[in-house]
């Protein structure tokens, strides 16, 4: 997972085997299965160009993909 600096909402994101994983501030981790690689890359590019990771998540991911919360381990 890639640590995200400067976000008040999201700590880290990762993408493996078609699943997006998001770790939120506070420790909750959600998996978004069947998540397109190209959309993950666009999100990272947005972050690297100084864009808000949380705002992008709420506009492009949350309304379109169902996340599944991981159980605490």
N, C-alpha and C. Protein backbone atom coordinates (compact mmCIF):
# COMPACT_ATOMS: atom_id res chain seq x y z
N UNK A 1 0.84 -1.19 0.00
CA UNK A 1 0.00 0.00 0.00
C UNK A 1 0.89 1.25 0.00
N UNK A 2 0.38 2.27 -0.65
CA UNK A 2 1.10 3.54 -0.73
C UNK A 2 0.56 4.48 0.34
N UNK A 3 1.46 4.92 1.21
CA UNK A 3 1.08 5.88 2.24
C UNK A 3 0.75 7.22 1.57
N UNK A 4 -0.32 7.84 2.03
CA UNK A 4 -0.78 9.11 1.47
C UNK A 4 -0.53 10.20 2.50
N UNK A 5 0.35 11.09 2.19
CA UNK A 5 0.63 12.19 3.11
C UNK A 5 -0.29 13.37 2.85
N UNK A 6 -0.65 14.07 3.89
CA UNK A 6 -1.41 15.29 3.75
C UNK A 6 -2.91 15.14 3.63
N UNK A 7 -3.43 13.92 3.70
CA UNK A 7 -4.88 13.73 3.62
C UNK A 7 -5.45 13.63 5.03
N UNK A 8 -6.54 14.31 5.26
CA UNK A 8 -7.19 14.23 6.57
C UNK A 8 -8.16 13.06 6.65
N UNK A 9 -8.33 12.33 5.55
CA UNK A 9 -9.32 11.27 5.46
C UNK A 9 -8.72 9.90 5.16
N UNK A 10 -7.71 9.85 4.31
CA UNK A 10 -7.18 8.59 3.81
C UNK A 10 -5.69 8.49 4.13
N UNK A 11 -5.29 7.35 4.75
CA UNK A 11 -3.89 7.14 5.12
C UNK A 11 -3.10 6.43 4.03
N UNK A 12 -3.71 5.44 3.36
CA UNK A 12 -2.98 4.65 2.38
C UNK A 12 -3.95 4.02 1.39
N UNK A 13 -3.44 3.77 0.17
CA UNK A 13 -4.22 3.07 -0.84
C UNK A 13 -3.33 2.05 -1.54
N UNK A 14 -3.96 0.99 -2.00
CA UNK A 14 -3.24 -0.03 -2.74
C UNK A 14 -4.16 -0.71 -3.72
N UNK A 15 -3.58 -1.38 -4.70
CA UNK A 15 -4.36 -2.07 -5.72
C UNK A 15 -3.63 -3.35 -6.08
N UNK A 16 -4.30 -4.48 -5.85
CA UNK A 16 -3.67 -5.77 -6.13
C UNK A 16 -4.75 -6.77 -6.54
N UNK A 17 -4.46 -7.50 -7.61
CA UNK A 17 -5.38 -8.53 -8.11
C UNK A 17 -6.79 -7.99 -8.33
N UNK A 18 -6.89 -6.76 -8.83
CA UNK A 18 -8.20 -6.18 -9.15
C UNK A 18 -8.97 -5.62 -7.98
N UNK A 19 -8.34 -5.57 -6.80
CA UNK A 19 -9.02 -5.04 -5.62
C UNK A 19 -8.30 -3.79 -5.13
N UNK A 20 -9.07 -2.73 -4.98
CA UNK A 20 -8.56 -1.50 -4.38
C UNK A 20 -8.70 -1.64 -2.87
N UNK A 21 -7.66 -1.29 -2.14
CA UNK A 21 -7.70 -1.29 -0.68
C UNK A 21 -7.43 0.12 -0.21
N UNK A 22 -8.28 0.60 0.70
CA UNK A 22 -8.15 1.95 1.24
C UNK A 22 -8.11 1.86 2.76
N UNK A 23 -7.05 2.44 3.36
CA UNK A 23 -6.98 2.55 4.82
C UNK A 23 -7.27 4.00 5.18
N UNK A 24 -8.31 4.18 5.97
CA UNK A 24 -8.74 5.51 6.36
C UNK A 24 -8.08 5.94 7.67
N UNK A 25 -8.04 7.25 7.89
CA UNK A 25 -7.58 7.77 9.17
C UNK A 25 -8.45 7.14 10.25
N UNK A 26 -7.84 6.64 11.28
CA UNK A 26 -8.57 5.94 12.34
C UNK A 26 -8.40 4.44 12.24
N UNK A 27 -7.87 3.95 11.08
CA UNK A 27 -7.52 2.56 10.96
C UNK A 27 -8.48 1.65 10.20
N UNK A 28 -9.68 2.11 9.87
CA UNK A 28 -10.62 1.26 9.12
C UNK A 28 -10.05 0.98 7.73
N UNK A 29 -10.16 -0.29 7.29
CA UNK A 29 -9.66 -0.70 5.98
C UNK A 29 -10.82 -1.27 5.18
N UNK A 30 -10.97 -0.78 3.96
CA UNK A 30 -12.03 -1.23 3.06
C UNK A 30 -11.41 -1.77 1.77
N UNK A 31 -12.01 -2.84 1.26
CA UNK A 31 -11.63 -3.40 -0.03
C UNK A 31 -12.74 -3.13 -1.03
N UNK A 32 -12.33 -2.78 -2.24
CA UNK A 32 -13.25 -2.51 -3.34
C UNK A 32 -12.90 -3.48 -4.47
N UNK A 33 -13.58 -4.63 -4.53
CA UNK A 33 -13.26 -5.62 -5.56
C UNK A 33 -13.64 -5.14 -6.96
N UNK A 34 -13.02 -5.77 -7.95
CA UNK A 34 -13.29 -5.45 -9.36
C UNK A 34 -13.06 -3.97 -9.67
N UNK A 35 -12.00 -3.44 -9.12
CA UNK A 35 -11.68 -2.02 -9.32
C UNK A 35 -10.66 -1.89 -10.45
N UNK A 36 -10.96 -1.09 -11.47
CA UNK A 36 -10.08 -0.99 -12.64
C UNK A 36 -8.70 -0.39 -12.32
N UNK A 37 -7.69 -1.01 -12.87
CA UNK A 37 -6.32 -0.54 -12.67
C UNK A 37 -6.15 0.88 -13.18
N UNK A 38 -6.74 1.20 -14.33
CA UNK A 38 -6.56 2.54 -14.88
C UNK A 38 -7.15 3.62 -13.98
N UNK A 39 -8.23 3.31 -13.28
CA UNK A 39 -8.82 4.28 -12.36
C UNK A 39 -7.92 4.47 -11.13
N UNK A 40 -7.30 3.39 -10.67
CA UNK A 40 -6.34 3.48 -9.57
C UNK A 40 -5.17 4.37 -9.97
N UNK A 41 -4.67 4.19 -11.18
CA UNK A 41 -3.55 5.00 -11.66
C UNK A 41 -3.95 6.48 -11.75
N UNK A 42 -5.16 6.75 -12.23
CA UNK A 42 -5.63 8.14 -12.31
C UNK A 42 -5.70 8.77 -10.92
N UNK A 43 -6.12 7.98 -9.92
CA UNK A 43 -6.21 8.49 -8.55
C UNK A 43 -4.82 8.84 -8.03
N UNK A 44 -3.85 7.96 -8.27
CA UNK A 44 -2.48 8.23 -7.84
C UNK A 44 -1.91 9.46 -8.56
N UNK A 45 -2.17 9.59 -9.84
CA UNK A 45 -1.70 10.75 -10.59
C UNK A 45 -2.32 12.03 -10.05
N UNK A 46 -3.60 11.96 -9.70
CA UNK A 46 -4.28 13.12 -9.11
C UNK A 46 -3.60 13.53 -7.82
N UNK A 47 -3.29 12.54 -6.98
CA UNK A 47 -2.61 12.81 -5.71
C UNK A 47 -1.22 13.40 -5.94
N UNK A 48 -0.47 12.80 -6.86
CA UNK A 48 0.89 13.26 -7.13
C UNK A 48 0.94 14.66 -7.72
N UNK A 49 -0.15 15.08 -8.35
CA UNK A 49 -0.19 16.44 -8.90
C UNK A 49 -0.75 17.45 -7.89
N UNK A 50 -0.95 17.00 -6.65
CA UNK A 50 -1.38 17.91 -5.59
C UNK A 50 -2.86 17.94 -5.32
N UNK A 51 -3.62 17.07 -5.97
CA UNK A 51 -5.07 17.05 -5.77
C UNK A 51 -5.47 16.36 -4.48
N UNK A 52 -6.66 16.63 -4.03
CA UNK A 52 -7.19 16.04 -2.81
C UNK A 52 -7.59 14.59 -3.03
N UNK A 53 -6.97 13.69 -2.27
CA UNK A 53 -7.26 12.26 -2.38
C UNK A 53 -8.66 11.96 -1.87
N UNK A 54 -9.05 12.59 -0.77
CA UNK A 54 -10.37 12.36 -0.19
C UNK A 54 -11.49 12.85 -1.09
N UNK A 55 -11.32 14.03 -1.64
CA UNK A 55 -12.35 14.59 -2.53
C UNK A 55 -12.50 13.70 -3.77
N UNK A 56 -11.38 13.24 -4.34
CA UNK A 56 -11.42 12.38 -5.51
C UNK A 56 -12.12 11.07 -5.18
N UNK A 57 -11.83 10.51 -4.00
CA UNK A 57 -12.47 9.28 -3.56
C UNK A 57 -13.99 9.47 -3.50
N UNK A 58 -14.44 10.56 -2.89
CA UNK A 58 -15.87 10.80 -2.72
C UNK A 58 -16.59 11.11 -4.03
N UNK A 59 -15.87 11.60 -5.03
CA UNK A 59 -16.47 11.90 -6.33
C UNK A 59 -16.46 10.71 -7.28
N UNK A 60 -15.37 9.93 -7.28
CA UNK A 60 -15.17 8.93 -8.33
C UNK A 60 -15.26 7.48 -7.87
N UNK A 61 -15.16 7.24 -6.58
CA UNK A 61 -15.14 5.85 -6.11
C UNK A 61 -16.37 5.53 -5.26
N UNK A 62 -16.57 6.25 -4.19
CA UNK A 62 -17.64 5.93 -3.25
C UNK A 62 -19.02 5.80 -3.91
N UNK A 63 -19.41 6.68 -4.85
CA UNK A 63 -20.74 6.54 -5.44
C UNK A 63 -20.87 5.37 -6.43
N UNK A 64 -19.74 4.80 -6.87
CA UNK A 64 -19.78 3.82 -7.95
C UNK A 64 -19.32 2.42 -7.57
N UNK A 65 -18.63 2.29 -6.45
CA UNK A 65 -18.07 0.99 -6.04
C UNK A 65 -18.44 0.71 -4.60
N UNK A 66 -18.80 -0.52 -4.34
CA UNK A 66 -19.19 -0.92 -2.98
C UNK A 66 -17.97 -1.46 -2.24
N UNK A 67 -17.64 -0.80 -1.14
CA UNK A 67 -16.53 -1.25 -0.32
C UNK A 67 -16.97 -2.24 0.73
N UNK A 68 -16.06 -3.13 1.07
CA UNK A 68 -16.31 -4.12 2.12
C UNK A 68 -15.29 -3.91 3.22
N UNK A 69 -15.79 -3.61 4.41
CA UNK A 69 -14.90 -3.33 5.54
C UNK A 69 -14.24 -4.62 6.01
N UNK A 70 -12.93 -4.54 6.22
CA UNK A 70 -12.20 -5.68 6.78
C UNK A 70 -12.45 -5.75 8.28
N UNK A 71 -12.50 -6.96 8.77
CA UNK A 71 -12.65 -7.15 10.20
C UNK A 71 -11.33 -6.79 10.88
N UNK A 72 -11.42 -6.24 12.07
CA UNK A 72 -10.22 -5.89 12.84
C UNK A 72 -9.43 -7.15 13.17
N UNK A 73 -8.11 -7.05 13.05
CA UNK A 73 -7.27 -8.22 13.33
C UNK A 73 -6.35 -7.95 14.49
